[in-house]
Amino acid sequence: MRLRAGDAEVTVEPKHGCRIASLRIGGTEVLRQGERYGSFVMVPWCGRTRGGRFRNGGELHQLPVNAGEHAIHGLVRGRPWRTACRDERSAAFYHDLTDPWPWPSRVTQVVELAEDGSGLTLTLGVETIGNSFPAQAGWHPWFLRNLGRGGQDVTLDFAPAWQEERGEDHLPTGRRVEPRPGPWDDCFGMPDGVDVTLTWPGELELKVASRAEWVVIYDQQDEAVCVEPQTGPPNGLNTHPRLVTPIDPLEVTTVWTWRSLV
């Protein structure tokens, strides 16, 4: 499914986890293509959950383990979603969570290009159909390190309040430290909201913003860098649970805006 506005074009794949498969700005692809491509949704948890286990009150739950000894990136990135509505520059989608998630619930994503094609807004919602449960939501975009037009590699600019110390198992230790230089596979706290600028010098500037207070930066691959706004840190179902209740769904938005530097 393609959405268009101004000189921007977004391709969404509802059958493949409601992934943003492509973002082309002025004809230039910004997201990585190939096996690990686009931007996928992380729900009902983000990053790794230790041992795939978490508690809801006094009850222990086991998730499928798919990253070493951990469960990673939620349950929806490979599942088909349904399209609720669409027009030329926006669309809404939903997916109903079932087994192995213990609670019947619904996830929604709204994808909307700005009218003039200068930005993209993504909004996630998680609603329970019955009982309350802890959850997280976020996005995992693969931004191209180099746009392939002979220019320089992308640079990142952000000012986090702290960095979550990463243990040998890639999970936060619970200790907050001063932000350290990359390369990163790390979670950062931004209590005033995520605000990260990607710059391809002389080509394009793209800002990732969100009222979410956590961002994971992953830049350890040659082809791409990841800037991942999310509602809690890795293993957050255990350390920073956010309860979804019948009267209080989980909602989070990220806005990507861009401008040409040519």
C-alpha atoms as a PDB file:
ATOM      1  CA  MET A   1       0.000   0.000   0.000  1.00  0.00           C
ATOM      2  CA  ARG A   2       1.435   3.368  -1.072  1.00  0.00           C
ATOM      3  CA  LEU A   3       0.651   6.744   0.481  1.00  0.00           C
ATOM      4  CA  ARG A   4       1.739   9.984  -1.188  1.00  0.00           C
ATOM      5  CA  ALA A   5       1.972  13.672  -0.349  1.00  0.00           C
ATOM      6  CA  GLY A   6       4.197  16.334  -1.877  1.00  0.00           C
ATOM      7  CA  ASP A   7       7.423  14.644  -2.968  1.00  0.00           C
ATOM      8  CA  ALA A   8       7.171  11.914  -0.277  1.00  0.00           C
ATOM      9  CA  GLU A   9       5.979   8.344  -0.736  1.00  0.00           C
ATOM     10  CA  VAL A  10       5.460   5.749   2.007  1.00  0.00           C
ATOM     11  CA  THR A  11       4.900   2.040   1.416  1.00  0.00           C
ATOM     12  CA  VAL A  12       3.116   0.097   4.177  1.00  0.00           C
ATOM     13  CA  GLU A  13       2.899  -3.702   4.279  1.00  0.00           C
ATOM     14  CA  PRO A  14      -0.110  -4.706   6.437  1.00  0.00           C
ATOM     15  CA  LYS A  15       0.489  -8.402   5.754  1.00  0.00           C
ATOM     16  CA  HIS A  16       4.039  -8.154   7.108  1.00  0.00           C
ATOM     17  CA  GLY A  17       3.475  -6.693  10.551  1.00  0.00           C
ATOM     18  CA  CYS A  18       2.195  -3.312   9.311  1.00  0.00           C
ATOM     19  CA  ARG A  19       5.807  -2.489   8.507  1.00  0.00           C
ATOM     20  CA  ILE A  20       6.786   0.792   6.873  1.00  0.00           C
ATOM     21  CA  ALA A  21       8.593  -0.909   4.017  1.00  0.00           C
ATOM     22  CA  SER A  22       9.816   2.210   2.264  1.00  0.00           C
ATOM     23  CA  LEU A  23      10.083   5.964   2.727  1.00  0.00           C
ATOM     24  CA  ARG A  24      11.119   7.866  -0.370  1.00  0.00           C
ATOM     25  CA  ILE A  25      11.746  11.601  -0.123  1.00  0.00           C
ATOM     26  CA  GLY A  26      12.245  13.416  -3.415  1.00  0.00           C
ATOM     27  CA  GLY A  27      12.753  10.016  -5.032  1.00  0.00           C
ATOM     28  CA  THR A  28      15.494   8.957  -2.579  1.00  0.00           C
ATOM     29  CA  GLU A  29      14.999   5.903  -0.357  1.00  0.00           C
ATOM     30  CA  VAL A  30      15.692   6.623   3.325  1.00  0.00           C
ATOM     31  CA  LEU A  31      15.006   3.207   4.859  1.00  0.00           C
ATOM     32  CA  ARG A  32      17.137   0.096   4.452  1.00  0.00           C
ATOM     33  CA  GLN A  33      15.889  -2.517   1.998  1.00  0.00           C
ATOM     34  CA  GLY A  34      16.596  -6.254   1.869  1.00  0.00           C
ATOM     35  CA  GLU A  35      16.180  -8.795   4.680  1.00  0.00           C
ATOM     36  CA  ARG A  36      16.174  -6.307   7.567  1.00  0.00           C
ATOM     37  CA  TYR A  37      14.243  -3.451   6.088  1.00  0.00           C
ATOM     38  CA  GLY A  38      11.943  -0.526   6.671  1.00  0.00           C
ATOM     39  CA  SER A  39      10.503   0.176  10.108  1.00  0.00           C
ATOM     40  CA  PHE A  40       8.621  -2.396  12.154  1.00  0.00           C
ATOM     41  CA  VAL A  41       6.286  -2.148  15.139  1.00  0.00           C
ATOM     42  CA  MET A  42       7.333  -3.437  18.563  1.00  0.00           C
ATOM     43  CA  VAL A  43       4.281  -4.502  20.620  1.00  0.00           C
ATOM     44  CA  PRO A  44       3.445  -5.637  23.323  1.00  0.00           C
ATOM     45  CA  TRP A  45       7.061  -5.247  24.425  1.00  0.00           C
ATOM     46  CA  CYS A  46      10.186  -3.552  23.046  1.00  0.00           C
ATOM     47  CA  GLY A  47      13.668  -4.987  22.767  1.00  0.00           C
ATOM     48  CA  ARG A  48      14.535  -7.992  24.920  1.00  0.00           C
ATOM     49  CA  THR A  49      12.530  -9.432  27.810  1.00  0.00           C
ATOM     50  CA  ARG A  50      14.826 -11.384  30.109  1.00  0.00           C
ATOM     51  CA  GLY A  51      14.301 -15.118  29.676  1.00  0.00           C
ATOM     52  CA  GLY A  52      10.965 -14.334  28.014  1.00  0.00           C
ATOM     53  CA  ARG A  53       9.454 -14.124  31.509  1.00  0.00           C
ATOM     54  CA  PHE A  54       7.506 -11.368  33.230  1.00  0.00           C
ATOM     55  CA  ARG A  55       4.913 -10.988  35.961  1.00  0.00           C
ATOM     56  CA  ASN A  56       1.484  -9.425  36.009  1.00  0.00           C
ATOM     57  CA  GLY A  57       0.818  -9.081  39.698  1.00  0.00           C
ATOM     58  CA  GLY A  58       1.749 -12.394  41.262  1.00  0.00           C
ATOM     59  CA  GLU A  59       1.340 -14.429  38.079  1.00  0.00           C
ATOM     60  CA  LEU A  60       4.437 -15.410  36.058  1.00  0.00           C
ATOM     61  CA  HIS A  61       4.114 -15.551  32.258  1.00  0.00           C
ATOM     62  CA  GLN A  62       6.421 -17.151  29.693  1.00  0.00           C
ATOM     63  CA  LEU A  63       6.876 -15.672  26.202  1.00  0.00           C
ATOM     64  CA  PRO A  64       8.409 -17.449  23.194  1.00  0.00           C
ATOM     65  CA  VAL A  65      12.204 -17.147  23.320  1.00  0.00           C
ATOM     66  CA  ASN A  66      13.673 -15.999  19.995  1.00  0.00           C
ATOM     67  CA  ALA A  67      16.913 -14.101  20.760  1.00  0.00           C
ATOM     68  CA  GLY A  68      19.341 -16.335  22.611  1.00  0.00           C
ATOM     69  CA  GLU A  69      17.693 -16.864  25.973  1.00  0.00           C
ATOM     70  CA  HIS A  70      15.417 -13.825  25.620  1.00  0.00           C
ATOM     71  CA  ALA A  71      12.189 -12.812  23.873  1.00  0.00           C
ATOM     72  CA  ILE A  72      12.705  -9.864  21.541  1.00  0.00           C
ATOM     73  CA  HIS A  73      10.679  -7.112  19.815  1.00  0.00           C
ATOM     74  CA  GLY A  74       7.129  -8.237  20.598  1.00  0.00           C
ATOM     75  CA  LEU A  75       4.663 -10.389  18.690  1.00  0.00           C
ATOM     76  CA  VAL A  76       3.320  -8.366  15.767  1.00  0.00           C
ATOM     77  CA  ARG A  77       6.202  -7.718  13.352  1.00  0.00           C
ATOM     78  CA  GLY A  78       5.568 -10.896  11.345  1.00  0.00           C
ATOM     79  CA  ARG A  79       1.803 -11.087  11.666  1.00  0.00           C
ATOM     80  CA  PRO A  80      -0.855  -9.823   9.242  1.00  0.00           C
ATOM     81  CA  TRP A  81      -2.809  -6.687  10.123  1.00  0.00           C
ATOM     82  CA  ARG A  82      -6.148  -5.515   8.771  1.00  0.00           C
ATOM     83  CA  THR A  83      -6.758  -2.192   7.082  1.00  0.00           C
ATOM     84  CA  ALA A  84      -9.482  -0.139   8.758  1.00  0.00           C
ATOM     85  CA  CYS A  85      -9.478   2.829   6.370  1.00  0.00           C
ATOM     86  CA  ARG A  86      -7.215   4.733   4.008  1.00  0.00           C
ATOM     87  CA  ASP A  87      -7.001   7.704   1.691  1.00  0.00           C
ATOM     88  CA  GLU A  88      -4.239   9.105  -0.519  1.00  0.00           C
ATOM     89  CA  ARG A  89      -1.877  10.099   2.327  1.00  0.00           C
ATOM     90  CA  SER A  90      -3.054   8.215   5.438  1.00  0.00           C
ATOM     91  CA  ALA A  91      -4.257   4.823   6.601  1.00  0.00           C
ATOM     92  CA  ALA A  92      -5.291   3.036   9.803  1.00  0.00           C
ATOM     93  CA  PHE A  93      -4.630  -0.608  10.656  1.00  0.00           C
ATOM     94  CA  TYR A  94      -5.330  -3.053  13.478  1.00  0.00           C
ATOM     95  CA  HIS A  95      -4.234  -6.447  14.758  1.00  0.00           C
ATOM     96  CA  ASP A  96      -5.824  -8.573  17.477  1.00  0.00           C
ATOM     97  CA  LEU A  97      -3.344 -10.133  19.886  1.00  0.00           C
ATOM     98  CA  THR A  98      -4.037 -13.728  20.847  1.00  0.00           C
ATOM     99  CA  ASP A  99      -1.981 -16.713  22.029  1.00  0.00           C
ATOM    100  CA  PRO A 100       0.831 -16.654  23.168  1.00  0.00           C
ATOM    101  CA  TRP A 101      -0.148 -13.283  24.633  1.00  0.00           C
ATOM    102  CA  PRO A 102      -2.263 -14.126  27.673  1.00  0.00           C
ATOM    103  CA  TRP A 103      -4.822 -11.318  27.276  1.00  0.00           C
ATOM    104  CA  PRO A 104      -7.141 -10.636  24.329  1.00  0.00           C
ATOM    105  CA  SER A 105      -6.238  -7.165  23.097  1.00  0.00           C
ATOM    106  CA  ARG A 106      -6.071  -4.969  20.023  1.00  0.00           C
ATOM    107  CA  VAL A 107      -3.172  -3.028  18.532  1.00  0.00           C
ATOM    108  CA  THR A 108      -3.757  -0.138  16.123  1.00  0.00           C
ATOM    109  CA  GLN A 109      -1.403   1.899  13.974  1.00  0.00           C
ATOM    110  CA  VAL A 110      -2.229   5.097  12.097  1.00  0.00           C
ATOM    111  CA  VAL A 111       0.198   6.180   9.363  1.00  0.00           C
ATOM    112  CA  GLU A 112      -0.153   9.743   8.076  1.00  0.00           C
ATOM    113  CA  LEU A 113       1.949  11.862   5.752  1.00  0.00           C
ATOM    114  CA  ALA A 114       1.873  15.620   6.289  1.00  0.00           C
ATOM    115  CA  GLU A 115      -0.244  17.381   3.705  1.00  0.00           C
ATOM    116  CA  ASP A 116       2.823  18.989   2.116  1.00  0.00           C
ATOM    117  CA  GLY A 117       4.936  15.818   2.314  1.00  0.00           C
ATOM    118  CA  SER A 118       7.337  17.255   4.899  1.00  0.00           C
ATOM    119  CA  GLY A 119       6.767  14.656   7.611  1.00  0.00           C
ATOM    120  CA  LEU A 120       5.314  11.350   8.727  1.00  0.00           C
ATOM    121  CA  THR A 121       3.283  10.684  11.875  1.00  0.00           C
ATOM    122  CA  LEU A 122       2.958   7.160  13.282  1.00  0.00           C
ATOM    123  CA  THR A 123       0.573   6.466  16.158  1.00  0.00           C
ATOM    124  CA  LEU A 124       0.268   3.190  18.060  1.00  0.00           C
ATOM    125  CA  GLY A 125      -2.487   2.134  20.433  1.00  0.00           C
ATOM    126  CA  VAL A 126      -2.822  -0.928  22.664  1.00  0.00           C
ATOM    127  CA  GLU A 127      -6.260  -1.712  24.136  1.00  0.00           C
ATOM    128  CA  THR A 128      -7.379  -4.559  26.352  1.00  0.00           C
ATOM    129  CA  ILE A 129     -10.554  -6.446  25.519  1.00  0.00           C
ATOM    130  CA  GLY A 130     -10.807  -7.670  29.113  1.00  0.00           C
ATOM    131  CA  ASN A 131      -8.308  -7.717  31.959  1.00  0.00           C
ATOM    132  CA  SER A 132      -5.454  -5.294  32.577  1.00  0.00           C
ATOM    133  CA  PHE A 133      -1.883  -6.157  31.625  1.00  0.00           C
ATOM    134  CA  PRO A 134       1.569  -4.539  31.316  1.00  0.00           C
ATOM    135  CA  ALA A 135       2.720  -3.570  27.815  1.00  0.00           C
ATOM    136  CA  GLN A 136       5.170  -1.514  25.797  1.00  0.00           C
ATOM    137  CA  ALA A 137       5.018  -0.053  22.297  1.00  0.00           C
ATOM    138  CA  GLY A 138       7.554   1.427  19.905  1.00  0.00           C
ATOM    139  CA  TRP A 139       9.162   1.390  16.464  1.00  0.00           C
ATOM    140  CA  HIS A 140      12.352  -0.088  15.063  1.00  0.00           C
ATOM    141  CA  PRO A 141      13.324   1.830  11.897  1.00  0.00           C
ATOM    142  CA  TRP A 142      16.376   0.913   9.821  1.00  0.00           C
ATOM    143  CA  PHE A 143      17.622   4.246   8.450  1.00  0.00           C
ATOM    144  CA  LEU A 144      20.188   3.974   5.675  1.00  0.00           C
ATOM    145  CA  ARG A 145      23.676   4.892   6.828  1.00  0.00           C
ATOM    146  CA  ASN A 146      24.410   6.242   3.351  1.00  0.00           C
ATOM    147  CA  LEU A 147      21.803   7.383   0.841  1.00  0.00           C
ATOM    148  CA  GLY A 148      23.822   5.968  -2.045  1.00  0.00           C
ATOM    149  CA  ARG A 149      24.198   9.184  -3.992  1.00  0.00           C
ATOM    150  CA  GLY A 150      27.903   9.697  -3.373  1.00  0.00           C
ATOM    151  CA  GLY A 151      27.434  11.668  -0.166  1.00  0.00           C
ATOM    152  CA  GLN A 152      28.689  11.175   3.373  1.00  0.00           C
ATOM    153  CA  ASP A 153      27.361   8.755   5.995  1.00  0.00           C
ATOM    154  CA  VAL A 154      24.632   9.888   8.386  1.00  0.00           C
ATOM    155  CA  THR A 155      25.456  11.553  11.699  1.00  0.00           C
ATOM    156  CA  LEU A 156      23.307  11.473  14.855  1.00  0.00           C
ATOM    157  CA  ASP A 157      22.653  14.383  17.193  1.00  0.00           C
ATOM    158  CA  PHE A 158      20.801  13.902  20.486  1.00  0.00           C
ATOM    159  CA  ALA A 159      21.192  14.939  24.125  1.00  0.00           C
ATOM    160  CA  PRO A 160      19.913  12.216  26.477  1.00  0.00           C
ATOM    161  CA  ALA A 161      19.672  12.759  30.218  1.00  0.00           C
ATOM    162  CA  TRP A 162      21.242   9.368  30.879  1.00  0.00           C
ATOM    163  CA  GLN A 163      22.234   6.047  29.351  1.00  0.00           C
ATOM    164  CA  GLU A 164      21.047   2.716  30.707  1.00  0.00           C
ATOM    165  CA  GLU A 165      24.146   0.708  31.588  1.00  0.00           C
ATOM    166  CA  ARG A 166      24.133  -2.377  29.371  1.00  0.00           C
ATOM    167  CA  GLY A 167      25.045  -5.745  30.814  1.00  0.00           C
ATOM    168  CA  GLU A 168      26.762  -8.598  29.021  1.00  0.00           C
ATOM    169  CA  ASP A 169      23.310 -10.000  28.194  1.00  0.00           C
ATOM    170  CA  HIS A 170      22.459  -6.724  26.353  1.00  0.00           C
ATOM    171  CA  LEU A 171      19.857  -5.813  28.982  1.00  0.00           C
ATOM    172  CA  PRO A 172      19.978  -2.752  31.239  1.00  0.00           C
ATOM    173  CA  THR A 173      21.575  -3.462  34.604  1.00  0.00           C
ATOM    174  CA  GLY A 174      19.294  -0.954  36.348  1.00  0.00           C
ATOM    175  CA  ARG A 175      22.114   1.558  36.714  1.00  0.00           C
ATOM    176  CA  ARG A 176      21.944   4.909  34.936  1.00  0.00           C
ATOM    177  CA  VAL A 177      25.245   6.321  33.678  1.00  0.00           C
ATOM    178  CA  GLU A 178      26.480   9.394  31.849  1.00  0.00           C
ATOM    179  CA  PRO A 179      25.930   9.017  28.083  1.00  0.00           C
ATOM    180  CA  ARG A 180      28.918   7.319  26.481  1.00  0.00           C
ATOM    181  CA  PRO A 181      30.252   7.595  22.923  1.00  0.00           C
ATOM    182  CA  GLY A 182      29.176   4.986  20.364  1.00  0.00           C
ATOM    183  CA  PRO A 183      28.998   2.677  18.637  1.00  0.00           C
ATOM    184  CA  TRP A 184      25.771   1.819  20.446  1.00  0.00           C
ATOM    185  CA  ASP A 185      23.269  -0.898  21.061  1.00  0.00           C
ATOM    186  CA  ASP A 186      21.957   1.050  24.009  1.00  0.00           C
ATOM    187  CA  CYS A 187      18.913   2.613  25.623  1.00  0.00           C
ATOM    188  CA  PHE A 188      18.843   6.285  26.598  1.00  0.00           C
ATOM    189  CA  GLY A 189      16.484   8.278  28.783  1.00  0.00           C
ATOM    190  CA  MET A 190      14.990  11.482  27.380  1.00  0.00           C
ATOM    191  CA  PRO A 191      12.425  12.592  29.988  1.00  0.00           C
ATOM    192  CA  ASP A 192      11.366  15.622  27.924  1.00  0.00           C
ATOM    193  CA  GLY A 193      10.640  13.368  24.949  1.00  0.00           C
ATOM    194  CA  VAL A 194      12.680  11.701  22.241  1.00  0.00           C
ATOM    195  CA  ASP A 195      14.471  14.215  20.017  1.00  0.00           C
ATOM    196  CA  VAL A 196      17.085  12.784  17.625  1.00  0.00           C
ATOM    197  CA  THR A 197      18.342  14.390  14.417  1.00  0.00           C
ATOM    198  CA  LEU A 198      19.829  12.340  11.590  1.00  0.00           C
ATOM    199  CA  THR A 199      21.873  14.326   9.078  1.00  0.00           C
ATOM    200  CA  TRP A 200      23.216  13.142   5.750  1.00  0.00           C
ATOM    201  CA  PRO A 201      25.552  16.114   5.141  1.00  0.00           C
ATOM    202  CA  GLY A 202      24.652  18.148   2.105  1.00  0.00           C
ATOM    203  CA  GLU A 203      21.671  15.893   1.372  1.00  0.00           C
ATOM    204  CA  LEU A 204      18.966  15.513   4.010  1.00  0.00           C
ATOM    205  CA  GLU A 205      18.116  16.213   7.644  1.00  0.00           C
ATOM    206  CA  LEU A 206      15.504  14.029   9.367  1.00  0.00           C
ATOM    207  CA  LYS A 207      14.271  14.528  12.929  1.00  0.00           C
ATOM    208  CA  VAL A 208      12.707  11.710  15.004  1.00  0.00           C
ATOM    209  CA  ALA A 209      10.538  13.070  17.819  1.00  0.00           C
ATOM    210  CA  SER A 210       8.135  11.508  20.304  1.00  0.00           C
ATOM    211  CA  ARG A 211       6.627  12.192  23.716  1.00  0.00           C
ATOM    212  CA  ALA A 212       7.952   8.748  24.664  1.00  0.00           C
ATOM    213  CA  GLU A 213      10.822   9.062  27.139  1.00  0.00           C
ATOM    214  CA  TRP A 214      13.056   6.236  25.921  1.00  0.00           C
ATOM    215  CA  VAL A 215      15.055   5.672  22.765  1.00  0.00           C
ATOM    216  CA  VAL A 216      17.310   2.799  21.719  1.00  0.00           C
ATOM    217  CA  ILE A 217      20.153   3.663  19.341  1.00  0.00           C
ATOM    218  CA  TYR A 218      21.689   0.807  17.358  1.00  0.00           C
ATOM    219  CA  ASP A 219      24.468   1.678  14.914  1.00  0.00           C
ATOM    220  CA  GLN A 220      26.634  -1.437  14.852  1.00  0.00           C
ATOM    221  CA  GLN A 221      25.859  -2.456  11.272  1.00  0.00           C
ATOM    222  CA  ASP A 222      27.484  -1.033   8.159  1.00  0.00           C
ATOM    223  CA  GLU A 223      24.258  -0.572   6.227  1.00  0.00           C
ATOM    224  CA  ALA A 224      21.954   1.199   8.668  1.00  0.00           C
ATOM    225  CA  VAL A 225      21.382   2.955  11.970  1.00  0.00           C
ATOM    226  CA  CYS A 226      18.316   2.499  14.166  1.00  0.00           C
ATOM    227  CA  VAL A 227      16.609   5.208  16.232  1.00  0.00           C
ATOM    228  CA  GLU A 228      13.850   3.491  18.194  1.00  0.00           C
ATOM    229  CA  PRO A 229      11.339   5.552  20.222  1.00  0.00           C
ATOM    230  CA  GLN A 230       9.617   3.355  22.789  1.00  0.00           C
ATOM    231  CA  THR A 231       7.506   3.616  25.925  1.00  0.00           C
ATOM    232  CA  GLY A 232      10.009   1.845  28.178  1.00  0.00           C
ATOM    233  CA  PRO A 233      13.496   0.361  28.227  1.00  0.00           C
ATOM    234  CA  PRO A 234      14.427  -3.191  27.218  1.00  0.00           C
ATOM    235  CA  ASN A 235      13.091  -5.678  29.799  1.00  0.00           C
ATOM    236  CA  GLY A 236      10.598  -2.986  30.714  1.00  0.00           C
ATOM    237  CA  LEU A 237       7.736  -5.460  31.272  1.00  0.00           C
ATOM    238  CA  ASN A 238       9.692  -6.353  34.407  1.00  0.00           C
ATOM    239  CA  THR A 239      11.384  -3.088  35.361  1.00  0.00           C
ATOM    240  CA  HIS A 240       9.026  -0.296  34.165  1.00  0.00           C
ATOM    241  CA  PRO A 241       5.622  -1.903  33.543  1.00  0.00           C
ATOM    242  CA  ARG A 242       2.967   0.352  32.059  1.00  0.00           C
ATOM    243  CA  LEU A 243      -0.463  -1.091  32.839  1.00  0.00           C
ATOM    244  CA  VAL A 244      -3.064  -1.144  30.068  1.00  0.00           C
ATOM    245  CA  THR A 245      -6.551  -1.066  31.602  1.00  0.00           C
ATOM    246  CA  PRO A 246     -10.067  -0.967  30.142  1.00  0.00           C
ATOM    247  CA  ILE A 247     -10.182   2.802  30.751  1.00  0.00           C
ATOM    248  CA  ASP A 248      -6.523   3.628  30.071  1.00  0.00           C
ATOM    249  CA  PRO A 249      -5.102   2.269  26.802  1.00  0.00           C
ATOM    250  CA  LEU A 250      -1.443   2.695  25.884  1.00  0.00           C
ATOM    251  CA  GLU A 251      -0.950   5.307  23.158  1.00  0.00           C
ATOM    252  CA  VAL A 252       2.281   6.648  21.690  1.00  0.00           C
ATOM    253  CA  THR A 253       3.176   8.744  18.643  1.00  0.00           C
ATOM    254  CA  THR A 254       6.382   9.434  16.769  1.00  0.00           C
ATOM    255  CA  VAL A 255       6.762  12.222  14.224  1.00  0.00           C
ATOM    256  CA  TRP A 256       9.469  12.216  11.575  1.00  0.00           C
ATOM    257  CA  THR A 257      10.093  15.536   9.842  1.00  0.00           C
ATOM    258  CA  TRP A 258      12.654  16.285   7.182  1.00  0.00           C
ATOM    259  CA  ARG A 259      14.192  18.985   5.041  1.00  0.00           C
ATOM    260  CA  SER A 260      16.462  18.907   2.042  1.00  0.00           C
ATOM    261  CA  LEU A 261      20.029  20.172   2.468  1.00  0.00           C
ATOM    262  CA  VAL A 262      20.725  20.256  -1.248  1.00  0.00           C
END
